[in-house]
Amino acid sequence: MAIHRLSHARNTPRIAFVTPNGGSGKTTATVLFASELVEREHEGVILDLPPNQSLAAWGAQGAG
């Protein structure tokens, strides 16, 4: 439901962390930025598009 609502918002900001270099901190920056938004009670969606999908692997490990 939240994804549907976000995708139809008129002025939804889109923020991309992009660089061709591996190991530059894109995943870390994304997680820290998203964590800050959650702390401020905002909603959002994270898309992990690189072939190695390191963010998806990190999320699959669960908390702890």
C-alpha atoms as a PDB file:
ATOM      1  CA  MET A   1       0.000   0.000   0.000  1.00  0.00           C
ATOM      2  CA  ALA A   2       2.760   2.469   0.897  1.00  0.00           C
ATOM      3  CA  ILE A   3       4.535   1.865  -2.422  1.00  0.00           C
ATOM      4  CA  HIS A   4       1.312   2.555  -4.316  1.00  0.00           C
ATOM      5  CA  ARG A   5       0.811   5.800  -2.372  1.00  0.00           C
ATOM      6  CA  LEU A   6       4.419   6.914  -2.901  1.00  0.00           C
ATOM      7  CA  SER A   7       4.421   6.133  -6.610  1.00  0.00           C
ATOM      8  CA  HIS A   8       1.389   8.326  -7.167  1.00  0.00           C
ATOM      9  CA  ALA A   9       2.536  11.324  -5.131  1.00  0.00           C
ATOM     10  CA  ARG A  10       2.929  14.375  -7.321  1.00  0.00           C
ATOM     11  CA  ASN A  11       6.079  15.846  -5.822  1.00  0.00           C
ATOM     12  CA  THR A  12       7.862  12.759  -4.556  1.00  0.00           C
ATOM     13  CA  PRO A  13      11.593  13.488  -4.318  1.00  0.00           C
ATOM     14  CA  ARG A  14      13.925  10.921  -5.826  1.00  0.00           C
ATOM     15  CA  ILE A  15      17.452  10.648  -4.491  1.00  0.00           C
ATOM     16  CA  ALA A  16      20.096   8.503  -6.185  1.00  0.00           C
ATOM     17  CA  PHE A  17      23.488   7.445  -4.880  1.00  0.00           C
ATOM     18  CA  VAL A  18      25.390   6.756  -8.104  1.00  0.00           C
ATOM     19  CA  THR A  19      29.024   6.203  -9.048  1.00  0.00           C
ATOM     20  CA  PRO A  20      30.700   3.690 -11.365  1.00  0.00           C
ATOM     21  CA  ASN A  21      33.292   2.881  -8.693  1.00  0.00           C
ATOM     22  CA  GLY A  22      32.806  -0.135  -6.463  1.00  0.00           C
ATOM     23  CA  GLY A  23      33.561   0.227  -2.773  1.00  0.00           C
ATOM     24  CA  SER A  24      32.850   3.944  -2.712  1.00  0.00           C
ATOM     25  CA  GLY A  25      30.219   3.782   0.045  1.00  0.00           C
ATOM     26  CA  LYS A  26      26.974   3.934  -1.947  1.00  0.00           C
ATOM     27  CA  THR A  27      25.282   1.187   0.075  1.00  0.00           C
ATOM     28  CA  THR A  28      26.444   2.621   3.395  1.00  0.00           C
ATOM     29  CA  ALA A  29      25.326   6.129   2.433  1.00  0.00           C
ATOM     30  CA  THR A  30      21.949   4.802   1.288  1.00  0.00           C
ATOM     31  CA  VAL A  31      21.318   2.886   4.518  1.00  0.00           C
ATOM     32  CA  LEU A  32      22.389   5.825   6.705  1.00  0.00           C
ATOM     33  CA  PHE A  33      20.251   8.276   4.731  1.00  0.00           C
ATOM     34  CA  ALA A  34      17.210   5.978   4.850  1.00  0.00           C
ATOM     35  CA  SER A  35      17.711   5.428   8.591  1.00  0.00           C
ATOM     36  CA  GLU A  36      17.682   9.170   9.162  1.00  0.00           C
ATOM     37  CA  LEU A  37      14.454   9.536   7.171  1.00  0.00           C
ATOM     38  CA  VAL A  38      12.816   6.793   9.243  1.00  0.00           C
ATOM     39  CA  GLU A  39      13.936   8.525  12.450  1.00  0.00           C
ATOM     40  CA  ARG A  40      12.161  11.650  11.171  1.00  0.00           C
ATOM     41  CA  GLU A  41       9.032   9.568  10.434  1.00  0.00           C
ATOM     42  CA  HIS A  42       9.251   9.781   6.633  1.00  0.00           C
ATOM     43  CA  GLU A  43       8.399   6.943   4.275  1.00  0.00           C
ATOM     44  CA  GLY A  44      10.399   5.762   1.325  1.00  0.00           C
ATOM     45  CA  VAL A  45      11.537   2.935  -0.876  1.00  0.00           C
ATOM     46  CA  ILE A  46      15.097   1.759  -1.483  1.00  0.00           C
ATOM     47  CA  LEU A  47      15.938   0.219  -4.851  1.00  0.00           C
ATOM     48  CA  ASP A  48      19.160  -1.804  -5.004  1.00  0.00           C
ATOM     49  CA  LEU A  49      20.086  -1.906  -8.691  1.00  0.00           C
ATOM     50  CA  PRO A  50      23.781  -2.931  -8.891  1.00  0.00           C
ATOM     51  CA  PRO A  51      24.371  -6.507 -10.122  1.00  0.00           C
ATOM     52  CA  ASN A  52      25.839  -7.635  -6.771  1.00  0.00           C
ATOM     53  CA  GLN A  53      22.809  -6.286  -4.835  1.00  0.00           C
ATOM     54  CA  SER A  54      24.826  -5.812  -1.644  1.00  0.00           C
ATOM     55  CA  LEU A  55      21.957  -3.941   0.017  1.00  0.00           C
ATOM     56  CA  ALA A  56      19.559  -6.812  -0.643  1.00  0.00           C
ATOM     57  CA  ALA A  57      22.080  -9.293   0.791  1.00  0.00           C
ATOM     58  CA  TRP A  58      22.535  -7.114   3.891  1.00  0.00           C
ATOM     59  CA  GLY A  59      18.762  -6.874   4.396  1.00  0.00           C
ATOM     60  CA  ALA A  60      18.324 -10.631   4.020  1.00  0.00           C
ATOM     61  CA  GLN A  61      20.604 -11.155   7.042  1.00  0.00           C
ATOM     62  CA  GLY A  62      18.027  -9.479   9.289  1.00  0.00           C
ATOM     63  CA  ALA A  63      18.628  -7.420  12.405  1.00  0.00           C
ATOM     64  CA  GLY A  64      21.528  -8.292  14.661  1.00  0.00           C
END
